[in-house]
N, C-alpha and C. Protein backbone atom coordinates (compact mmCIF):
# COMPACT_ATOMS: atom_id res chain seq x y z
N MET A 1 0.99 -1.13 0.45
CA MET A 1 0.12 0.30 -0.18
C MET A 1 0.93 1.01 0.00
N THR A 2 0.63 2.78 -0.83
CA THR A 2 1.13 3.63 -0.96
C THR A 2 0.84 4.52 0.21
N GLU A 3 1.65 4.84 0.63
CA GLU A 3 1.81 6.19 1.89
C GLU A 3 1.58 7.48 1.03
N TRP A 4 -0.03 7.79 1.70
CA TRP A 4 -0.31 9.40 0.73
C TRP A 4 -0.03 9.93 1.67
N PRO A 5 0.08 11.49 1.33
CA PRO A 5 0.22 12.85 2.15
C PRO A 5 -0.62 12.87 3.87
N LYS A 6 -0.33 13.22 4.60
CA LYS A 6 -1.30 13.22 5.50
C LYS A 6 -2.55 14.41 5.11
N GLY A 7 -3.31 13.92 5.33
CA GLY A 7 -4.66 15.12 5.26
C GLY A 7 -5.41 15.00 3.68
N VAL A 8 -4.81 13.59 3.19
CA VAL A 8 -5.93 13.34 2.05
C VAL A 8 -6.65 12.58 2.17
N ALA A 9 -7.85 12.32 2.41
CA ALA A 9 -9.22 11.27 2.93
C ALA A 9 -9.17 10.73 1.62
N ILE A 10 -9.74 9.52 2.40
CA ILE A 10 -9.75 7.95 2.12
C ILE A 10 -11.08 8.49 0.62
N PRO A 11 -11.65 9.11 1.04
CA PRO A 11 -12.54 9.26 -0.93
C PRO A 11 -11.61 9.86 -1.77
N ALA A 12 -10.80 10.90 -1.40
CA ALA A 12 -9.86 11.47 -2.61
C ALA A 12 -8.93 10.61 -2.72
N ILE A 13 -8.50 9.55 -1.77
CA ILE A 13 -7.03 8.46 -2.33
C ILE A 13 -8.26 7.60 -3.59
N ARG A 14 -9.31 6.99 -3.41
CA ARG A 14 -10.07 6.32 -4.12
C ARG A 14 -10.45 7.30 -5.29
N ALA A 15 -10.44 8.69 -5.72
CA ALA A 15 -10.89 9.08 -6.67
C ALA A 15 -9.58 8.61 -7.35
N LEU A 16 -8.46 9.14 -6.88
CA LEU A 16 -7.14 9.08 -7.41
C LEU A 16 -6.56 7.75 -8.00
N GLN A 17 -6.97 7.15 -7.29
CA GLN A 17 -6.59 5.54 -7.42
C GLN A 17 -7.51 5.07 -8.50
N ALA A 18 -8.96 5.54 -8.70
CA ALA A 18 -9.95 5.21 -10.09
C ALA A 18 -9.69 5.96 -10.98
N ALA A 19 -8.12 6.94 -10.56
CA ALA A 19 -8.23 7.62 -12.15
C ALA A 19 -6.68 7.42 -12.95
N GLY A 20 -6.27 5.87 -11.91
CA GLY A 20 -4.94 5.55 -12.26
C GLY A 20 -3.72 5.97 -12.10
N TYR A 21 -3.79 6.92 -10.62
CA TYR A 21 -2.77 7.12 -9.39
C TYR A 21 -2.34 6.21 -8.64
N THR A 22 -1.40 5.43 -8.57
CA THR A 22 -1.42 4.74 -7.46
C THR A 22 -0.06 4.84 -6.27
N GLU A 23 0.37 5.94 -6.85
CA GLU A 23 1.46 6.48 -5.81
C GLU A 23 1.56 7.94 -5.69
N TRP A 24 1.65 8.49 -5.04
CA TRP A 24 1.13 9.86 -4.81
C TRP A 24 2.62 10.90 -5.53
N GLN A 25 4.03 10.07 -5.64
CA GLN A 25 4.68 10.90 -6.36
C GLN A 25 3.88 11.37 -8.32
N GLN A 26 3.59 10.21 -8.79
CA GLN A 26 2.98 10.68 -10.05
C GLN A 26 2.18 11.56 -10.14
N LEU A 27 1.69 12.63 -9.45
CA LEU A 27 1.13 13.69 -8.95
C LEU A 27 1.81 14.76 -9.72
N GLU A 28 3.10 14.50 -9.21
CA GLU A 28 4.07 15.56 -9.57
C GLU A 28 4.00 16.09 -10.99
N LYS A 29 3.69 14.83 -12.18
CA LYS A 29 3.26 15.11 -13.31
C LYS A 29 2.11 15.65 -13.84
N VAL A 30 1.33 16.06 -12.93
CA VAL A 30 0.17 16.27 -13.66
C VAL A 30 -0.45 17.92 -13.08
N ASP A 31 -1.03 18.65 -13.41
CA ASP A 31 -1.58 19.64 -13.22
C ASP A 31 -2.98 19.61 -11.83
N LEU A 32 -2.35 19.76 -10.70
CA LEU A 32 -3.50 20.08 -9.79
C LEU A 32 -5.01 20.19 -10.17
N SER A 33 -5.62 21.16 -11.26
CA SER A 33 -6.71 21.45 -11.22
C SER A 33 -7.17 20.06 -11.77
N THR A 34 -6.39 19.22 -12.48
CA THR A 34 -6.70 17.89 -13.19
C THR A 34 -7.34 17.48 -12.03
N PHE A 35 -7.12 17.45 -10.77
CA PHE A 35 -7.48 16.86 -9.78
C PHE A 35 -8.72 17.14 -8.88
N ALA A 36 -9.00 18.40 -9.52
CA ALA A 36 -10.38 18.80 -8.54
C ALA A 36 -11.56 18.45 -9.47
N HIS A 37 -11.16 18.29 -10.58
CA HIS A 37 -13.01 17.12 -11.03
C HIS A 37 -13.07 15.88 -10.85
N LEU A 38 -11.95 15.10 -10.07
CA LEU A 38 -12.18 14.06 -9.65
C LEU A 38 -13.35 14.07 -8.12
N HIS A 39 -14.63 12.79 -8.57
CA HIS A 39 -15.53 12.91 -7.59
C HIS A 39 -14.41 12.19 -6.00
N GLY A 40 -14.88 12.86 -5.09
CA GLY A 40 -14.47 12.94 -4.02
C GLY A 40 -12.65 13.27 -3.35
N MET A 41 -12.44 14.40 -4.50
CA MET A 41 -11.30 15.34 -4.53
C MET A 41 -12.02 16.61 -3.59
N GLY A 42 -11.64 16.95 -2.97
CA GLY A 42 -12.26 18.05 -2.18
C GLY A 42 -10.85 19.20 -1.65
N PRO A 43 -11.34 20.48 -1.68
CA PRO A 43 -10.15 21.32 -1.33
C PRO A 43 -8.88 20.78 -0.13
N LYS A 44 -9.42 20.25 0.93
CA LYS A 44 -8.36 20.21 2.36
C LYS A 44 -7.59 18.93 1.40
N ALA A 45 -7.96 18.07 0.25
CA ALA A 45 -6.65 17.17 -0.12
C ALA A 45 -5.78 17.92 -1.19
N LEU A 46 -6.38 18.71 -2.18
CA LEU A 46 -5.47 19.43 -3.22
C LEU A 46 -4.91 19.94 -2.56
N ALA A 47 -4.86 20.83 -1.35
CA ALA A 47 -4.28 21.55 -0.73
C ALA A 47 -2.45 20.95 -0.19
N ALA A 48 -3.40 19.54 0.57
CA ALA A 48 -2.61 17.93 1.54
C ALA A 48 -1.31 18.24 0.38
N ILE A 49 -1.95 17.70 -0.51
CA ILE A 49 -1.66 17.30 -1.88
C ILE A 49 -0.27 17.94 -2.63
N GLU A 50 -0.57 19.32 -2.62
CA GLU A 50 0.18 20.26 -3.26
C GLU A 50 1.36 20.61 -2.28
N ALA A 51 1.36 21.07 -1.32
CA ALA A 51 2.19 20.52 0.21
C ALA A 51 2.95 19.70 0.24
N ALA A 52 2.55 18.60 -0.19
CA ALA A 52 3.82 17.44 -0.53
C ALA A 52 4.47 17.60 -1.11
N LEU A 53 3.88 17.85 -2.42
CA LEU A 53 4.78 18.08 -3.63
C LEU A 53 5.68 19.05 -3.62
N LYS A 54 5.16 20.32 -3.06
CA LYS A 54 6.68 21.49 -2.58
C LYS A 54 7.46 20.74 -1.77
N GLU A 55 6.86 19.80 -1.18
CA GLU A 55 7.90 19.67 -0.29
C GLU A 55 8.87 18.97 -0.42
N SER A 56 8.46 17.71 -1.54
CA SER A 56 9.09 16.88 -2.16
C SER A 56 10.68 17.63 -2.97
N ARG A 57 9.19 18.52 -3.86
CA ARG A 57 10.42 19.62 -4.66
C ARG A 57 11.34 19.77 -3.84
N GLY A 58 11.81 20.73 -2.81
CA GLY A 58 12.02 20.87 -2.32
C GLY A 58 13.83 20.30 -1.63
N SER A 59 12.91 18.97 -0.93
CA SER A 59 14.12 18.20 -0.72
C SER A 59 14.89 17.31 -1.62
N ARG A 60 15.16 17.89 -2.80
CA ARG A 60 15.73 17.63 -4.15
C ARG A 60 16.53 18.43 -4.64
N GLU A 61 16.39 19.48 -4.16
CA GLU A 61 16.48 20.79 -4.33
C GLU A 61 18.39 20.83 -3.51
């Protein structure tokens, strides 16, 4: 099972998985606005994903 960022609720995780995203790192290649249209994805989940991606990018610099 993949570890998703804290703050991403189960319905949002299900929505991502249904869209074919099995690991949160895959989200780096996709614009966040794409996820806003997924059923189950809310503003808190989007904010958590955005924060995790920023943190991930910062740790690689």
